[in-house]
Amino acid sequence: MAIGKNKRLNKKGGKKKKQVDPFLRKEWYNIRAPGVFAVRDAGKTLVTKTTGTKIASEQLKGRVFEASLADITGNADYDYRKIKLKAEDVEGDRVLTTFYGMDLTRDKLCSLIKKWQTLIEARVDVRTKDGYLIRMFCIAFTKKRPGQIKKTAYCQSGQVRSIRKKMSEIMQKEGAEATLAELVQKFIPEIIGKEIERACQGVYPLQNCYIRKVKMLAAPKFDLAKLMEAHEDTDAGTKMDREKTIVDLGEVEGSGGRL
């Protein structure tokens, strides 16, 4: 082929595209956990700055974040729990979230499963008082009776059905009688799991009874007033402290109102 015929062969070097750091177009937002958790700052998230019709706050809405329960409660004993938070609204540089789900860590789940015992699971769909439809999964294991010499602690299939029925009834009752915030407060100290252990004691002794997983199936129509109510407690206290500090600083003698 002649050199003059192919235009690509004549090019000695094209102009290189200027490399732009993608993080220059990003901005950080603080993730705020609901008021049921002791530590409200759940972390930070990154989003592209508002350009044209692409609004940053709209891109953040609907995001699902995962945090360790130990981080948002300040208690290291809860490090086996993972909490999902869903972004509902953006206020300034803060992303306001709601509870979206819960799960056990893989290592915790693996540490529970052992030989010589029966694993019993149950699940139930329940609608809370404030209209959230959630699916709860429960897991429990049998244990030896007091003074038992036999190595194994296997229960019969009829006992498994009876325990599973009690599990479903208790989860249905606890979920239907509480709002989502009240239900989350029951999940954290394992109140439902302990109640199931007590109720099933007459059928077969249980141990390590946990609400293994919680999934959000449906939520009521978005209500900004309810969201702000869930996030107002700590924020109001912070605002009052800040105002008090400003007043105290203003009363310093000789400052002339300036520091």
Protein backbone atom coordinates (compact mmCIF):
# COMPACT_ATOMS: atom_id res chain seq x y z
CA MET A 1 0.00 0.00 0.00
CA ALA A 2 1.25 3.47 -0.90
CA ILE A 3 2.11 5.71 2.00
CA GLY A 4 0.09 8.61 0.66
CA LYS A 5 -3.15 6.62 0.51
CA ASN A 6 -3.42 5.83 4.24
CA LYS A 7 -3.94 8.96 6.35
CA ARG A 8 -3.12 7.14 9.57
CA LEU A 9 0.46 6.42 8.47
CA ASN A 10 1.21 10.13 7.98
CA LYS A 11 0.33 11.03 11.59
CA LYS A 12 3.44 11.23 13.74
CA GLY A 13 1.69 11.92 17.07
CA GLY A 14 -1.80 12.88 18.20
CA LYS A 15 -2.64 15.44 20.86
CA LYS A 16 -3.01 13.72 24.20
CA LYS A 17 -6.16 14.34 26.19
CA LYS A 18 -5.50 16.25 29.40
CA GLN A 19 -5.93 14.04 32.45
CA VAL A 20 -8.28 15.58 35.02
CA ASP A 21 -8.46 14.27 38.55
CA PRO A 22 -12.05 12.90 38.91
CA PHE A 23 -12.10 13.79 42.64
CA LEU A 24 -12.02 17.50 41.75
CA ARG A 25 -15.63 17.11 40.59
CA LYS A 26 -16.73 15.35 43.77
CA GLU A 27 -17.92 16.56 47.18
CA TRP A 28 -18.34 14.86 50.53
CA TYR A 29 -21.57 14.49 52.53
CA ASN A 30 -22.01 13.33 56.15
CA ILE A 31 -24.29 10.33 56.71
CA ARG A 32 -26.66 10.87 59.66
CA ALA A 33 -28.17 7.83 61.39
CA PRO A 34 -31.70 8.05 62.89
CA GLY A 35 -32.23 9.06 66.53
CA VAL A 36 -32.61 5.46 67.78
CA PHE A 37 -28.82 5.04 67.50
CA ALA A 38 -26.46 6.62 70.03
CA VAL A 39 -23.79 7.71 67.51
CA ARG A 40 -25.42 9.77 64.78
CA ASP A 41 -22.41 10.21 62.45
CA ALA A 42 -22.39 6.95 60.46
CA GLY A 43 -19.70 8.01 57.98
CA LYS A 44 -19.21 9.99 54.77
CA THR A 45 -20.24 9.50 51.16
CA LEU A 46 -19.01 10.91 47.86
CA VAL A 47 -21.09 12.38 45.04
CA THR A 48 -20.49 14.35 41.85
CA LYS A 49 -21.10 18.09 42.26
CA THR A 50 -24.23 19.63 40.80
CA THR A 51 -23.72 20.28 37.07
CA GLY A 52 -26.54 21.30 34.77
CA THR A 53 -29.59 19.12 35.32
CA LYS A 54 -27.68 16.58 37.45
CA ILE A 55 -28.37 17.69 41.03
CA ALA A 56 -26.11 16.19 43.72
CA SER A 57 -28.87 15.81 46.33
CA GLU A 58 -31.07 13.87 43.89
CA GLN A 59 -28.21 11.47 43.16
CA LEU A 60 -27.82 10.79 46.90
CA LYS A 61 -31.49 9.98 47.57
CA GLY A 62 -32.13 6.26 47.57
CA ARG A 63 -28.54 5.23 48.34
CA VAL A 64 -28.21 2.37 50.82
CA PHE A 65 -25.31 2.47 53.29
CA GLU A 66 -24.07 -0.37 55.50
CA ALA A 67 -22.61 0.26 58.94
CA SER A 68 -21.54 -1.87 61.87
CA LEU A 69 -23.93 -1.67 64.82
CA ALA A 70 -20.89 -1.30 67.10
CA ASP A 71 -19.94 1.95 65.33
CA ILE A 72 -23.36 3.60 65.57
CA THR A 73 -24.08 2.51 69.16
CA GLY A 74 -20.59 2.93 70.62
CA ASN A 75 -20.73 -0.61 72.05
CA ALA A 76 -18.10 -3.06 70.74
CA ASP A 77 -20.22 -6.05 71.87
CA TYR A 78 -22.52 -5.47 68.87
CA ASP A 79 -19.82 -5.81 66.21
CA TYR A 80 -21.52 -8.94 64.79
CA ARG A 81 -24.46 -6.88 63.50
CA LYS A 82 -24.65 -4.98 60.20
CA ILE A 83 -27.23 -2.20 59.81
CA LYS A 84 -28.48 -0.84 56.48
CA LEU A 85 -29.46 2.83 56.27
CA LYS A 86 -31.29 4.36 53.29
CA ALA A 87 -30.82 8.01 52.28
CA GLU A 88 -34.21 9.75 52.30
CA ASP A 89 -33.36 13.48 52.18
CA VAL A 90 -30.41 15.89 52.07
CA GLU A 91 -30.09 18.89 54.38
CA GLY A 92 -27.02 21.02 53.69
CA ASP A 93 -24.05 18.66 53.78
CA ARG A 94 -25.93 16.00 55.76
CA VAL A 95 -27.68 12.93 54.35
CA LEU A 96 -30.68 12.00 56.54
CA THR A 97 -31.28 8.25 56.61
CA THR A 98 -33.82 5.72 57.86
CA PHE A 99 -33.48 2.09 58.96
CA TYR A 100 -33.52 -0.19 55.90
CA GLY A 101 -32.37 -3.62 57.09
CA MET A 102 -30.20 -5.70 59.38
CA ASP A 103 -27.98 -8.76 59.07
CA LEU A 104 -25.48 -10.91 60.96
CA THR A 105 -21.84 -10.98 59.91
CA ARG A 106 -20.63 -14.12 58.18
CA ASP A 107 -18.07 -15.01 60.87
CA LYS A 108 -20.70 -14.76 63.64
CA LEU A 109 -23.10 -17.01 61.73
CA CYS A 110 -20.36 -19.58 61.06
CA SER A 111 -19.33 -19.60 64.73
CA LEU A 112 -22.89 -20.56 65.77
CA ILE A 113 -23.22 -23.60 63.51
CA LYS A 114 -21.79 -26.69 65.24
CA LYS A 115 -22.27 -30.44 65.38
CA TRP A 116 -24.57 -32.36 67.74
CA GLN A 117 -27.40 -29.80 67.71
CA THR A 118 -30.47 -28.96 65.62
CA LEU A 119 -30.69 -25.70 63.68
CA ILE A 120 -34.20 -24.18 63.53
CA GLU A 121 -35.16 -21.24 61.30
CA ALA A 122 -38.38 -19.30 60.73
CA ARG A 123 -39.39 -16.24 58.75
CA VAL A 124 -42.44 -13.99 58.82
CA ASP A 125 -43.72 -10.91 56.97
CA VAL A 126 -45.14 -8.30 59.34
CA ARG A 127 -46.49 -4.76 58.97
CA THR A 128 -45.54 -2.32 61.73
CA LYS A 129 -47.88 0.23 63.31
CA ASP A 130 -46.50 3.02 61.11
CA GLY A 131 -47.00 1.10 57.85
CA TYR A 132 -43.60 -0.52 57.10
CA LEU A 133 -43.72 -4.06 55.70
CA ILE A 134 -40.67 -6.02 56.85
CA ARG A 135 -39.53 -9.63 56.65
CA MET A 136 -37.85 -11.07 59.75
CA PHE A 137 -35.69 -14.19 59.79
CA CYS A 138 -35.04 -15.98 63.08
CA ILE A 139 -32.41 -18.62 63.84
CA ALA A 140 -31.99 -20.79 66.95
CA PHE A 141 -30.11 -23.90 68.07
CA THR A 142 -31.01 -26.65 70.50
CA LYS A 143 -28.89 -27.34 73.59
CA LYS A 144 -28.52 -30.10 76.16
CA ARG A 145 -31.04 -30.33 78.97
CA PRO A 146 -29.73 -29.71 82.52
CA GLY A 147 -27.90 -32.84 83.72
CA GLN A 148 -28.00 -34.52 80.30
CA ILE A 149 -25.29 -37.14 79.70
CA LYS A 150 -26.11 -37.90 76.06
CA LYS A 151 -23.69 -36.26 73.65
CA THR A 152 -26.22 -34.99 71.10
CA ALA A 153 -29.07 -32.48 71.48
CA TYR A 154 -31.23 -33.32 68.46
CA CYS A 155 -34.95 -32.59 68.68
CA GLN A 156 -37.71 -34.41 66.78
CA SER A 157 -39.44 -33.00 63.69
CA GLY A 158 -42.67 -32.43 65.64
CA GLN A 159 -40.76 -30.35 68.19
CA VAL A 160 -39.12 -28.38 65.35
CA ARG A 161 -42.55 -27.53 63.92
CA SER A 162 -43.83 -26.49 67.35
CA ILE A 163 -40.79 -24.24 67.96
CA ARG A 164 -41.06 -22.73 64.48
CA LYS A 165 -44.73 -21.94 65.10
CA LYS A 166 -43.91 -20.18 68.39
CA MET A 167 -41.12 -18.21 66.66
CA SER A 168 -43.50 -16.97 63.97
CA GLU A 169 -46.20 -16.02 66.50
CA ILE A 170 -43.80 -14.02 68.70
CA MET A 171 -42.21 -12.19 65.73
CA GLN A 172 -45.67 -11.39 64.31
CA LYS A 173 -46.89 -10.09 67.68
CA GLU A 174 -43.80 -7.99 68.43
CA GLY A 175 -43.72 -6.47 64.93
CA ALA A 176 -47.42 -5.62 64.69
CA GLU A 177 -47.54 -3.89 68.09
CA ALA A 178 -44.57 -1.54 67.53
CA THR A 179 -43.45 1.22 65.18
CA LEU A 180 -40.28 0.75 63.15
CA ALA A 181 -38.19 2.82 65.62
CA GLU A 182 -39.49 0.80 68.59
CA LEU A 183 -38.79 -2.45 66.73
CA VAL A 184 -35.18 -1.40 66.04
CA GLN A 185 -34.73 -0.73 69.76
CA LYS A 186 -35.87 -4.35 70.39
CA PHE A 187 -33.45 -5.72 67.78
CA ILE A 188 -30.35 -4.13 69.36
CA PRO A 189 -30.43 -5.89 72.80
CA GLU A 190 -31.92 -9.14 71.32
CA ILE A 191 -35.21 -8.82 73.26
CA ILE A 192 -37.19 -10.90 70.73
CA GLY A 193 -34.59 -13.70 70.68
CA LYS A 194 -34.61 -14.00 74.48
CA GLU A 195 -38.41 -14.06 74.54
CA ILE A 196 -38.44 -16.93 71.99
CA GLU A 197 -35.95 -18.89 74.14
CA ARG A 198 -38.23 -18.49 77.20
CA ALA A 199 -41.38 -19.45 75.26
CA CYS A 200 -39.80 -22.61 73.78
CA GLN A 201 -38.22 -23.83 77.02
CA GLY A 202 -41.09 -26.30 77.56
CA VAL A 203 -40.72 -27.80 74.08
CA TYR A 204 -36.91 -28.06 73.90
CA PRO A 205 -34.14 -25.89 75.42
CA LEU A 206 -32.75 -23.34 72.94
CA GLN A 207 -29.55 -21.30 72.76
CA ASN A 208 -28.13 -18.58 70.47
CA CYS A 209 -31.57 -17.41 69.34
CA TYR A 210 -31.20 -14.32 67.12
CA ILE A 211 -33.18 -12.27 64.64
CA ARG A 212 -30.73 -13.23 61.91
CA LYS A 213 -31.90 -10.86 59.20
CA VAL A 214 -34.42 -8.07 58.57
CA LYS A 215 -35.45 -6.98 55.07
CA MET A 216 -37.51 -3.94 54.14
CA LEU A 217 -40.20 -5.02 51.66
CA ALA A 218 -42.34 -1.88 51.48
CA ALA A 219 -42.41 1.54 53.08
CA PRO A 220 -45.22 4.12 53.39
CA LYS A 221 -45.22 7.28 51.31
CA PHE A 222 -42.30 9.59 52.16
CA ASP A 223 -43.19 12.01 54.95
CA LEU A 224 -40.65 14.79 55.58
CA ALA A 225 -42.18 15.67 58.97
CA LYS A 226 -41.67 12.12 60.29
CA LEU A 227 -38.10 12.05 58.96
CA MET A 228 -37.25 15.33 60.70
CA GLU A 229 -38.87 14.03 63.90
CA ALA A 230 -36.59 10.96 63.79
CA HIS A 231 -33.53 13.20 63.41
CA GLU A 232 -34.41 16.15 65.64
CA ASP A 233 -33.46 14.96 69.18
CA THR A 234 -29.67 15.18 69.02
CA ASP A 235 -29.69 18.07 66.54
CA ALA A 236 -31.89 20.17 68.85
CA GLY A 237 -29.57 19.51 71.79
CA THR A 238 -26.53 20.47 69.73
CA LYS A 239 -28.21 23.68 68.59
CA MET A 240 -29.04 24.69 72.18
CA ASP A 241 -25.47 24.03 73.33
CA ARG A 242 -24.10 26.11 70.45
CA GLU A 243 -26.41 29.04 71.29
CA LYS A 244 -25.43 28.85 74.97
CA THR A 245 -21.74 28.89 74.04
CA ILE A 246 -22.25 32.00 71.89
CA VAL A 247 -23.96 33.79 74.80
CA ASP A 248 -21.19 32.84 77.22
CA LEU A 249 -18.48 34.07 74.85
CA GLY A 250 -20.29 37.36 74.37
CA GLU A 251 -20.19 38.07 78.11
CA VAL A 252 -16.41 37.93 78.43
CA GLU A 253 -15.20 41.28 79.84
CA GLY A 254 -12.93 43.40 77.67
CA SER A 255 -13.55 41.35 74.55
CA GLY A 256 -15.77 44.03 73.00
CA GLY A 257 -17.84 41.31 71.36
CA ARG A 258 -14.78 40.00 69.44
CA LEU A 259 -12.37 37.19 70.20
